[in-house]
């Protein structure tokens, strides 16, 4: 449990978090001032701390996250992650 609290976020880690959140927001047509975006950011942040520290890992975890599925059930839940910045492969959530 201590490892969960001891994670340090550098520029590369913050870029991964930001990229995944922004792509999720755009794919789900969530406004930047939406409380849903804050919830998604908190979920993504916690997933990262739990060990999902790459774009593909975060995207797969988002795909399985029941709360985010319910949050976006009225909008499209498709997301494509190209990962060109971080060398990850193309992934999609449906």
PDB file of N, CA and C in Angstrom:
ATOM      1  N   UNK A   1       0.827  -1.199   0.000  1.00  0.00           N
ATOM      2  CA  UNK A   1       0.000   0.000   0.000  1.00  0.00           C
ATOM      3  C   UNK A   1       0.869   1.260   0.000  1.00  0.00           C
ATOM      4  N   UNK A   2       2.012   1.202   0.660  1.00  0.00           N
ATOM      5  CA  UNK A   2       2.887   2.376   0.725  1.00  0.00           C
ATOM      6  C   UNK A   2       3.324   2.811  -0.666  1.00  0.00           C
ATOM      7  N   UNK A   3       3.566   1.837  -1.561  1.00  0.00           N
ATOM      8  CA  UNK A   3       3.985   2.160  -2.924  1.00  0.00           C
ATOM      9  C   UNK A   3       2.954   3.053  -3.622  1.00  0.00           C
ATOM     10  N   UNK A   4       1.675   2.839  -3.331  1.00  0.00           N
ATOM     11  CA  UNK A   4       0.595   3.639  -3.916  1.00  0.00           C
ATOM     12  C   UNK A   4       0.799   5.124  -3.629  1.00  0.00           C
ATOM     13  N   UNK A   5       1.278   5.443  -2.436  1.00  0.00           N
ATOM     14  CA  UNK A   5       1.450   6.835  -2.032  1.00  0.00           C
ATOM     15  C   UNK A   5       2.813   7.412  -2.406  1.00  0.00           C
ATOM     16  N   UNK A   6       3.765   6.561  -2.746  1.00  0.00           N
ATOM     17  CA  UNK A   6       5.132   7.004  -2.997  1.00  0.00           C
ATOM     18  C   UNK A   6       5.453   7.255  -4.464  1.00  0.00           C
ATOM     19  N   UNK A   7       4.480   7.202  -5.342  1.00  0.00           N
ATOM     20  CA  UNK A   7       4.723   7.392  -6.771  1.00  0.00           C
ATOM     21  C   UNK A   7       5.060   8.860  -7.042  1.00  0.00           C
ATOM     22  N   UNK A   8       6.098   9.071  -7.832  1.00  0.00           N
ATOM     23  CA  UNK A   8       6.492  10.413  -8.245  1.00  0.00           C
ATOM     24  C   UNK A   8       6.072  10.619  -9.695  1.00  0.00           C
ATOM     25  N   UNK A   9       5.544  11.795  -9.986  1.00  0.00           N
ATOM     26  CA  UNK A   9       5.086  12.104 -11.330  1.00  0.00           C
ATOM     27  C   UNK A   9       6.031  13.104 -11.977  1.00  0.00           C
ATOM     28  N   UNK A  10       6.737  12.651 -13.002  1.00  0.00           N
ATOM     29  CA  UNK A  10       7.597  13.525 -13.776  1.00  0.00           C
ATOM     30  C   UNK A  10       6.891  13.956 -15.047  1.00  0.00           C
ATOM     31  N   UNK A  11       7.573  14.688 -15.902  1.00  0.00           N
ATOM     32  CA  UNK A  11       6.954  15.183 -17.137  1.00  0.00           C
ATOM     33  C   UNK A  11       6.416  14.071 -18.037  1.00  0.00           C
ATOM     34  N   UNK A  12       7.137  12.955 -18.142  1.00  0.00           N
ATOM     35  CA  UNK A  12       6.669  11.863 -19.003  1.00  0.00           C
ATOM     36  C   UNK A  12       5.404  11.226 -18.447  1.00  0.00           C
ATOM     37  N   UNK A  13       5.358  11.019 -17.141  1.00  0.00           N
ATOM     38  CA  UNK A  13       4.175  10.422 -16.530  1.00  0.00           C
ATOM     39  C   UNK A  13       2.978  11.358 -16.649  1.00  0.00           C
ATOM     40  N   UNK A  14       3.197  12.636 -16.432  1.00  0.00           N
ATOM     41  CA  UNK A  14       2.107  13.607 -16.556  1.00  0.00           C
ATOM     42  C   UNK A  14       1.606  13.683 -17.994  1.00  0.00           C
ATOM     43  N   UNK A  15       2.509  13.536 -18.952  1.00  0.00           N
ATOM     44  CA  UNK A  15       2.110  13.551 -20.362  1.00  0.00           C
ATOM     45  C   UNK A  15       1.217  12.353 -20.677  1.00  0.00           C
ATOM     46  N   UNK A  16       1.558  11.181 -20.144  1.00  0.00           N
ATOM     47  CA  UNK A  16       0.726   9.992 -20.358  1.00  0.00           C
ATOM     48  C   UNK A  16      -0.660  10.223 -19.768  1.00  0.00           C
ATOM     49  N   UNK A  17      -0.715  10.703 -18.522  1.00  0.00           N
ATOM     50  CA  UNK A  17      -1.997  10.958 -17.869  1.00  0.00           C
ATOM     51  C   UNK A  17      -2.827  11.967 -18.664  1.00  0.00           C
ATOM     52  N   UNK A  18      -2.198  13.054 -19.062  1.00  0.00           N
ATOM     53  CA  UNK A  18      -2.898  14.097 -19.805  1.00  0.00           C
ATOM     54  C   UNK A  18      -3.405  13.585 -21.150  1.00  0.00           C
ATOM     55  N   UNK A  19      -2.564  12.847 -21.869  1.00  0.00           N
ATOM     56  CA  UNK A  19      -2.960  12.315 -23.183  1.00  0.00           C
ATOM     57  C   UNK A  19      -4.161  11.384 -23.055  1.00  0.00           C
ATOM     58  N   UNK A  20      -4.117  10.479 -22.101  1.00  0.00           N
ATOM     59  CA  UNK A  20      -5.211   9.525 -21.931  1.00  0.00           C
ATOM     60  C   UNK A  20      -6.489  10.255 -21.537  1.00  0.00           C
ATOM     61  N   UNK A  21      -6.383  11.204 -20.616  1.00  0.00           N
ATOM     62  CA  UNK A  21      -7.566  11.955 -20.190  1.00  0.00           C
ATOM     63  C   UNK A  21      -8.153  12.761 -21.345  1.00  0.00           C
ATOM     64  N   UNK A  22      -7.318  13.445 -22.086  1.00  0.00           N
ATOM     65  CA  UNK A  22      -7.806  14.273 -23.197  1.00  0.00           C
ATOM     66  C   UNK A  22      -8.454  13.413 -24.279  1.00  0.00           C
ATOM     67  N   UNK A  23      -7.852  12.292 -24.587  1.00  0.00           N
ATOM     68  CA  UNK A  23      -8.429  11.412 -25.600  1.00  0.00           C
ATOM     69  C   UNK A  23      -9.745  10.812 -25.110  1.00  0.00           C
ATOM     70  N   UNK A  24      -9.826  10.486 -23.830  1.00  0.00           N
ATOM     71  CA  UNK A  24     -11.081   9.989 -23.258  1.00  0.00           C
ATOM     72  C   UNK A  24     -12.153  11.076 -23.329  1.00  0.00           C
ATOM     73  N   UNK A  25     -11.777  12.313 -22.982  1.00  0.00           N
ATOM     74  CA  UNK A  25     -12.724  13.432 -22.996  1.00  0.00           C
ATOM     75  C   UNK A  25     -13.273  13.656 -24.397  1.00  0.00           C
ATOM     76  N   UNK A  26     -12.394  13.690 -25.372  1.00  0.00           N
ATOM     77  CA  UNK A  26     -12.829  13.926 -26.746  1.00  0.00           C
ATOM     78  C   UNK A  26     -13.696  12.773 -27.260  1.00  0.00           C
ATOM     79  N   UNK A  27     -13.290  11.557 -26.994  1.00  0.00           N
ATOM     80  CA  UNK A  27     -14.040  10.396 -27.477  1.00  0.00           C
ATOM     81  C   UNK A  27     -15.433  10.318 -26.870  1.00  0.00           C
ATOM     82  N   UNK A  28     -15.558  10.794 -25.637  1.00  0.00           N
ATOM     83  CA  UNK A  28     -16.840  10.720 -24.932  1.00  0.00           C
ATOM     84  C   UNK A  28     -17.593  12.046 -24.943  1.00  0.00           C
ATOM     85  N   UNK A  29     -17.073  13.003 -25.682  1.00  0.00           N
ATOM     86  CA  UNK A  29     -17.700  14.318 -25.840  1.00  0.00           C
ATOM     87  C   UNK A  29     -18.048  14.950 -24.487  1.00  0.00           C
ATOM     88  N   UNK A  30     -17.055  14.964 -23.610  1.00  0.00           N
ATOM     89  CA  UNK A  30     -17.225  15.544 -22.274  1.00  0.00           C
ATOM     90  C   UNK A  30     -16.628  16.944 -22.288  1.00  0.00           C
ATOM     91  N   UNK A  31     -17.381  17.921 -21.814  1.00  0.00           N
ATOM     92  CA  UNK A  31     -16.891  19.299 -21.758  1.00  0.00           C
ATOM     93  C   UNK A  31     -15.757  19.430 -20.753  1.00  0.00           C
ATOM     94  N   UNK A  32     -14.882  20.390 -21.005  1.00  0.00           N
ATOM     95  CA  UNK A  32     -13.738  20.610 -20.118  1.00  0.00           C
ATOM     96  C   UNK A  32     -14.143  21.033 -18.716  1.00  0.00           C
ATOM     97  N   UNK A  33     -15.326  21.627 -18.560  1.00  0.00           N
ATOM     98  CA  UNK A  33     -15.767  22.073 -17.243  1.00  0.00           C
ATOM     99  C   UNK A  33     -16.747  21.097 -16.589  1.00  0.00           C
ATOM    100  N   UNK A  34     -16.849  19.911 -17.139  1.00  0.00           N
ATOM    101  CA  UNK A  34     -17.789  18.908 -16.639  1.00  0.00           C
ATOM    102  C   UNK A  34     -17.270  18.218 -15.379  1.00  0.00           C
ATOM    103  N   UNK A  35     -18.144  17.978 -14.405  1.00  0.00           N
ATOM    104  CA  UNK A  35     -17.738  17.184 -13.238  1.00  0.00           C
ATOM    105  C   UNK A  35     -17.305  15.775 -13.643  1.00  0.00           C
ATOM    106  N   UNK A  36     -17.859  15.275 -14.742  1.00  0.00           N
ATOM    107  CA  UNK A  36     -17.461  13.959 -15.230  1.00  0.00           C
ATOM    108  C   UNK A  36     -15.996  13.898 -15.604  1.00  0.00           C
ATOM    109  N   UNK A  37     -15.467  15.006 -16.110  1.00  0.00           N
ATOM    110  CA  UNK A  37     -14.053  15.053 -16.461  1.00  0.00           C
ATOM    111  C   UNK A  37     -13.193  14.984 -15.202  1.00  0.00           C
ATOM    112  N   UNK A  38     -13.624  15.639 -14.154  1.00  0.00           N
ATOM    113  CA  UNK A  38     -12.893  15.567 -12.876  1.00  0.00           C
ATOM    114  C   UNK A  38     -12.898  14.148 -12.330  1.00  0.00           C
ATOM    115  N   UNK A  39     -14.028  13.478 -12.455  1.00  0.00           N
ATOM    116  CA  UNK A  39     -14.119  12.090 -11.996  1.00  0.00           C
ATOM    117  C   UNK A  39     -13.172  11.214 -12.810  1.00  0.00           C
ATOM    118  N   UNK A  40     -13.205  11.370 -14.127  1.00  0.00           N
ATOM    119  CA  UNK A  40     -12.328  10.583 -14.994  1.00  0.00           C
ATOM    120  C   UNK A  40     -10.853  10.853 -14.680  1.00  0.00           C
ATOM    121  N   UNK A  41     -10.513  12.116 -14.423  1.00  0.00           N
ATOM    122  CA  UNK A  41      -9.124  12.454 -14.086  1.00  0.00           C
ATOM    123  C   UNK A  41      -8.699  11.745 -12.799  1.00  0.00           C
ATOM    124  N   UNK A  42      -9.570  11.751 -11.803  1.00  0.00           N
ATOM    125  CA  UNK A  42      -9.253  11.083 -10.539  1.00  0.00           C
ATOM    126  C   UNK A  42      -9.094   9.578 -10.751  1.00  0.00           C
ATOM    127  N   UNK A  43      -9.961   8.991 -11.564  1.00  0.00           N
ATOM    128  CA  UNK A  43      -9.876   7.558 -11.848  1.00  0.00           C
ATOM    129  C   UNK A  43      -8.562   7.236 -12.556  1.00  0.00           C
ATOM    130  N   UNK A  44      -8.224   8.011 -13.573  1.00  0.00           N
ATOM    131  CA  UNK A  44      -6.990   7.776 -14.334  1.00  0.00           C
ATOM    132  C   UNK A  44      -5.772   7.950 -13.432  1.00  0.00           C
ATOM    133  N   UNK A  45      -5.779   8.980 -12.598  1.00  0.00           N
ATOM    134  CA  UNK A  45      -4.680   9.229 -11.663  1.00  0.00           C
ATOM    135  C   UNK A  45      -4.500   8.031 -10.729  1.00  0.00           C
ATOM    136  N   UNK A  46      -5.593   7.547 -10.172  1.00  0.00           N
ATOM    137  CA  UNK A  46      -5.510   6.413  -9.251  1.00  0.00           C
ATOM    138  C   UNK A  46      -5.088   5.132  -9.954  1.00  0.00           C
ATOM    139  N   UNK A  47      -5.573   4.932 -11.188  1.00  0.00           N
ATOM    140  CA  UNK A  47      -5.142   3.764 -11.947  1.00  0.00           C
ATOM    141  C   UNK A  47      -3.636   3.790 -12.179  1.00  0.00           C
ATOM    142  N   UNK A  48      -3.123   4.972 -12.482  1.00  0.00           N
ATOM    143  CA  UNK A  48      -1.684   5.111 -12.687  1.00  0.00           C
ATOM    144  C   UNK A  48      -0.940   4.725 -11.416  1.00  0.00           C
ATOM    145  N   UNK A  49      -1.414   5.203 -10.299  1.00  0.00           N
ATOM    146  CA  UNK A  49      -0.782   4.894  -9.015  1.00  0.00           C
ATOM    147  C   UNK A  49      -0.886   3.415  -8.670  1.00  0.00           C
ATOM    148  N   UNK A  50      -1.910   2.750  -9.194  1.00  0.00           N
ATOM    149  CA  UNK A  50      -2.089   1.321  -8.952  1.00  0.00           C
ATOM    150  C   UNK A  50      -1.202   0.460  -9.850  1.00  0.00           C
ATOM    151  N   UNK A  51      -0.522   1.087 -10.812  1.00  0.00           N
ATOM    152  CA  UNK A  51       0.416   0.348 -11.646  1.00  0.00           C
ATOM    153  C   UNK A  51       0.133   0.364 -13.129  1.00  0.00           C
ATOM    154  N   UNK A  52      -0.958   0.965 -13.551  1.00  0.00           N
ATOM    155  CA  UNK A  52      -1.266   1.076 -14.979  1.00  0.00           C
ATOM    156  C   UNK A  52      -0.548   2.319 -15.504  1.00  0.00           C
ATOM    157  N   UNK A  53       0.725   2.175 -15.872  1.00  0.00           N
ATOM    158  CA  UNK A  53       1.556   3.351 -16.113  1.00  0.00           C
ATOM    159  C   UNK A  53       1.932   3.581 -17.564  1.00  0.00           C
ATOM    160  N   UNK A  54       1.255   2.913 -18.482  1.00  0.00           N
ATOM    161  CA  UNK A  54       1.445   3.182 -19.909  1.00  0.00           C
ATOM    162  C   UNK A  54       0.086   3.485 -20.524  1.00  0.00           C
ATOM    163  N   UNK A  55       0.107   4.099 -21.690  1.00  0.00           N
ATOM    164  CA  UNK A  55      -1.162   4.384 -22.370  1.00  0.00           C
ATOM    165  C   UNK A  55      -1.982   3.115 -22.596  1.00  0.00           C
ATOM    166  N   UNK A  56      -1.378   2.070 -23.153  1.00  0.00           N
ATOM    167  CA  UNK A  56      -2.187   0.865 -23.384  1.00  0.00           C
ATOM    168  C   UNK A  56      -2.763   0.285 -22.089  1.00  0.00           C
ATOM    169  N   UNK A  57      -1.985   0.286 -21.040  1.00  0.00           N
ATOM    170  CA  UNK A  57      -2.473  -0.255 -19.762  1.00  0.00           C
ATOM    171  C   UNK A  57      -3.610   0.597 -19.212  1.00  0.00           C
ATOM    172  N   UNK A  58      -3.465   1.912 -19.285  1.00  0.00           N
ATOM    173  CA  UNK A  58      -4.532   2.795 -18.804  1.00  0.00           C
ATOM    174  C   UNK A  58      -5.795   2.647 -19.643  1.00  0.00           C
ATOM    175  N   UNK A  59      -5.631   2.557 -20.947  1.00  0.00           N
ATOM    176  CA  UNK A  59      -6.792   2.419 -21.830  1.00  0.00           C
ATOM    177  C   UNK A  59      -7.530   1.113 -21.536  1.00  0.00           C
ATOM    178  N   UNK A  60      -6.785   0.027 -21.361  1.00  0.00           N
ATOM    179  CA  UNK A  60      -7.432  -1.252 -21.028  1.00  0.00           C
ATOM    180  C   UNK A  60      -8.151  -1.159 -19.686  1.00  0.00           C
ATOM    181  N   UNK A  61      -7.536  -0.499 -18.720  1.00  0.00           N
ATOM    182  CA  UNK A  61      -8.167  -0.349 -17.402  1.00  0.00           C
ATOM    183  C   UNK A  61      -9.420   0.529 -17.498  1.00  0.00           C
ATOM    184  N   UNK A  62      -9.361   1.587 -18.305  1.00  0.00           N
ATOM    185  CA  UNK A  62     -10.537   2.443 -18.496  1.00  0.00           C
ATOM    186  C   UNK A  62     -11.678   1.657 -19.129  1.00  0.00           C
ATOM    187  N   UNK A  63     -11.325   0.772 -20.034  1.00  0.00           N
ATOM    188  CA  UNK A  63     -12.324  -0.046 -20.721  1.00  0.00           C
ATOM    189  C   UNK A  63     -13.099  -0.906 -19.715  1.00  0.00           C
ATOM    190  N   UNK A  64     -12.426  -1.355 -18.691  1.00  0.00           N
ATOM    191  CA  UNK A  64     -13.059  -2.233 -17.705  1.00  0.00           C
ATOM    192  C   UNK A  64     -13.667  -1.484 -16.527  1.00  0.00           C
ATOM    193  N   UNK A  65     -13.454  -0.180 -16.431  1.00  0.00           N
ATOM    194  CA  UNK A  65     -13.914   0.579 -15.266  1.00  0.00           C
ATOM    195  C   UNK A  65     -15.422   0.799 -15.320  1.00  0.00           C
ATOM    196  N   UNK A  66     -16.123   0.161 -14.428  1.00  0.00           N
ATOM    197  CA  UNK A  66     -17.581   0.187 -14.431  1.00  0.00           C
ATOM    198  C   UNK A  66     -18.143   1.598 -14.226  1.00  0.00           C
ATOM    199  N   UNK A  67     -17.561   2.360 -13.323  1.00  0.00           N
ATOM    200  CA  UNK A  67     -18.050   3.708 -13.045  1.00  0.00           C
ATOM    201  C   UNK A  67     -17.946   4.634 -14.243  1.00  0.00           C
ATOM    202  N   UNK A  68     -16.838   4.562 -14.973  1.00  0.00           N
ATOM    203  CA  UNK A  68     -16.686   5.406 -16.160  1.00  0.00           C
ATOM    204  C   UNK A  68     -17.610   4.943 -17.279  1.00  0.00           C
ATOM    205  N   UNK A  69     -17.848   3.645 -17.360  1.00  0.00           N
ATOM    206  CA  UNK A  69     -18.798   3.150 -18.357  1.00  0.00           C
ATOM    207  C   UNK A  69     -20.180   3.730 -18.089  1.00  0.00           C
ATOM    208  N   UNK A  70     -20.581   3.739 -16.825  1.00  0.00           N
ATOM    209  CA  UNK A  70     -21.885   4.289 -16.466  1.00  0.00           C
ATOM    210  C   UNK A  70     -21.926   5.796 -16.698  1.00  0.00           C
ATOM    211  N   UNK A  71     -20.822   6.462 -16.405  1.00  0.00           N
ATOM    212  CA  UNK A  71     -20.740   7.909 -16.580  1.00  0.00           C
ATOM    213  C   UNK A  71     -20.932   8.300 -18.042  1.00  0.00           C
ATOM    214  N   UNK A  72     -20.429   7.489 -18.929  1.00  0.00           N
ATOM    215  CA  UNK A  72     -20.471   7.824 -20.357  1.00  0.00           C
ATOM    216  C   UNK A  72     -21.466   6.980 -21.133  1.00  0.00           C
ATOM    217  N   UNK A  73     -22.350   6.301 -20.446  1.00  0.00           N
ATOM    218  CA  UNK A  73     -23.263   5.383 -21.134  1.00  0.00           C
ATOM    219  C   UNK A  73     -24.182   6.083 -22.128  1.00  0.00           C
ATOM    220  N   UNK A  74     -24.390   7.373 -21.972  1.00  0.00           N
ATOM    221  CA  UNK A  74     -25.256   8.092 -22.904  1.00  0.00           C
ATOM    222  C   UNK A  74     -24.503   8.650 -24.091  1.00  0.00           C
ATOM    223  N   UNK A  75     -23.180   8.578 -24.047  1.00  0.00           N
ATOM    224  CA  UNK A  75     -22.382   9.066 -25.174  1.00  0.00           C
ATOM    225  C   UNK A  75     -21.512   7.943 -25.709  1.00  0.00           C
ATOM    226  N   UNK A  76     -20.849   8.201 -26.783  1.00  0.00           N
ATOM    227  CA  UNK A  76     -19.960   7.209 -27.379  1.00  0.00           C
ATOM    228  C   UNK A  76     -18.834   6.891 -26.418  1.00  0.00           C
ATOM    229  N   UNK A  77     -18.489   5.626 -26.302  1.00  0.00           N
ATOM    230  CA  UNK A  77     -17.403   5.235 -25.410  1.00  0.00           C
ATOM    231  C   UNK A  77     -16.230   4.669 -26.188  1.00  0.00           C
ATOM    232  N   UNK A  78     -16.055   5.149 -27.389  1.00  0.00           N
ATOM    233  CA  UNK A  78     -14.962   4.674 -28.212  1.00  0.00           C
ATOM    234  C   UNK A  78     -13.779   5.617 -28.080  1.00  0.00           C
ATOM    235  N   UNK A  79     -12.601   5.048 -27.927  1.00  0.00           N
ATOM    236  CA  UNK A  79     -11.391   5.864 -27.840  1.00  0.00           C
ATOM    237  C   UNK A  79     -10.279   5.154 -28.595  1.00  0.00           C
ATOM    238  N   UNK A  80      -9.538   5.913 -29.360  1.00  0.00           N
ATOM    239  CA  UNK A  80      -8.375   5.361 -30.039  1.00  0.00           C
ATOM    240  C   UNK A  80      -7.147   6.064 -29.507  1.00  0.00           C
ATOM    241  N   UNK A  81      -6.146   5.302 -29.167  1.00  0.00           N
ATOM    242  CA  UNK A  81      -4.912   5.868 -28.635  1.00  0.00           C
ATOM    243  C   UNK A  81      -3.806   5.491 -29.601  1.00  0.00           C
ATOM    244  N   UNK A  82      -3.221   6.483 -30.233  1.00  0.00           N
ATOM    245  CA  UNK A  82      -2.169   6.190 -31.196  1.00  0.00           C
ATOM    246  C   UNK A  82      -0.835   5.968 -30.503  1.00  0.00           C
ATOM    247  N   UNK A  83      -0.575   6.702 -29.439  1.00  0.00           N
ATOM    248  CA  UNK A  83       0.632   6.501 -28.666  1.00  0.00           C
ATOM    249  C   UNK A  83       1.907   6.890 -29.377  1.00  0.00           C
ATOM    250  N   UNK A  84       1.828   7.721 -30.386  1.00  0.00           N
ATOM    251  CA  UNK A  84       3.034   8.061 -31.127  1.00  0.00           C
ATOM    252  C   UNK A  84       4.059   8.765 -30.260  1.00  0.00           C
ATOM    253  N   UNK A  85       3.616   9.519 -29.274  1.00  0.00           N
ATOM    254  CA  UNK A  85       4.551  10.211 -28.388  1.00  0.00           C
ATOM    255  C   UNK A  85       5.355   9.244 -27.532  1.00  0.00           C
ATOM    256  N   UNK A  86       4.704   8.170 -27.090  1.00  0.00           N
ATOM    257  CA  UNK A  86       5.317   7.299 -26.101  1.00  0.00           C
ATOM    258  C   UNK A  86       5.637   5.917 -26.646  1.00  0.00           C
ATOM    259  N   UNK A  87       5.517   5.734 -27.963  1.00  0.00           N
ATOM    260  CA  UNK A  87       5.883   4.484 -28.577  1.00  0.00           C
ATOM    261  C   UNK A  87       4.919   3.337 -28.340  1.00  0.00           C
ATOM    262  N   UNK A  88       3.708   3.613 -27.917  1.00  0.00           N
ATOM    263  CA  UNK A  88       2.718   2.573 -27.673  1.00  0.00           C
ATOM    264  C   UNK A  88       1.990   2.240 -28.972  1.00  0.00           C
ATOM    265  N   UNK A  89       1.381   1.077 -29.001  1.00  0.00           N
ATOM    266  CA  UNK A  89       0.611   0.673 -30.169  1.00  0.00           C
ATOM    267  C   UNK A  89      -0.783   1.260 -30.111  1.00  0.00           C
ATOM    268  N   UNK A  90      -1.461   1.263 -31.247  1.00  0.00           N
ATOM    269  CA  UNK A  90      -2.832   1.756 -31.330  1.00  0.00           C
ATOM    270  C   UNK A  90      -3.747   0.820 -30.558  1.00  0.00           C
ATOM    271  N   UNK A  91      -4.567   1.383 -29.693  1.00  0.00           N
ATOM    272  CA  UNK A  91      -5.517   0.627 -28.879  1.00  0.00           C
ATOM    273  C   UNK A  91      -6.880   1.275 -28.985  1.00  0.00           C
ATOM    274  N   UNK A  92      -7.923   0.543 -28.705  1.00  0.00           N
ATOM    275  CA  UNK A  92      -9.246   1.155 -28.705  1.00  0.00           C
ATOM    276  C   UNK A  92     -10.092   0.581 -27.582  1.00  0.00           C
ATOM    277  N   UNK A  93     -10.986   1.421 -27.089  1.00  0.00           N
ATOM    278  CA  UNK A  93     -11.949   1.029 -26.068  1.00  0.00           C
ATOM    279  C   UNK A  93     -13.311   1.096 -26.710  1.00  0.00           C
ATOM    280  N   UNK A  94     -14.102   0.088 -26.491  1.00  0.00           N
ATOM    281  CA  UNK A  94     -15.462   0.102 -27.013  1.00  0.00           C
ATOM    282  C   UNK A  94     -16.438  -0.204 -25.911  1.00  0.00           C
TER     283      UNK A  94
END
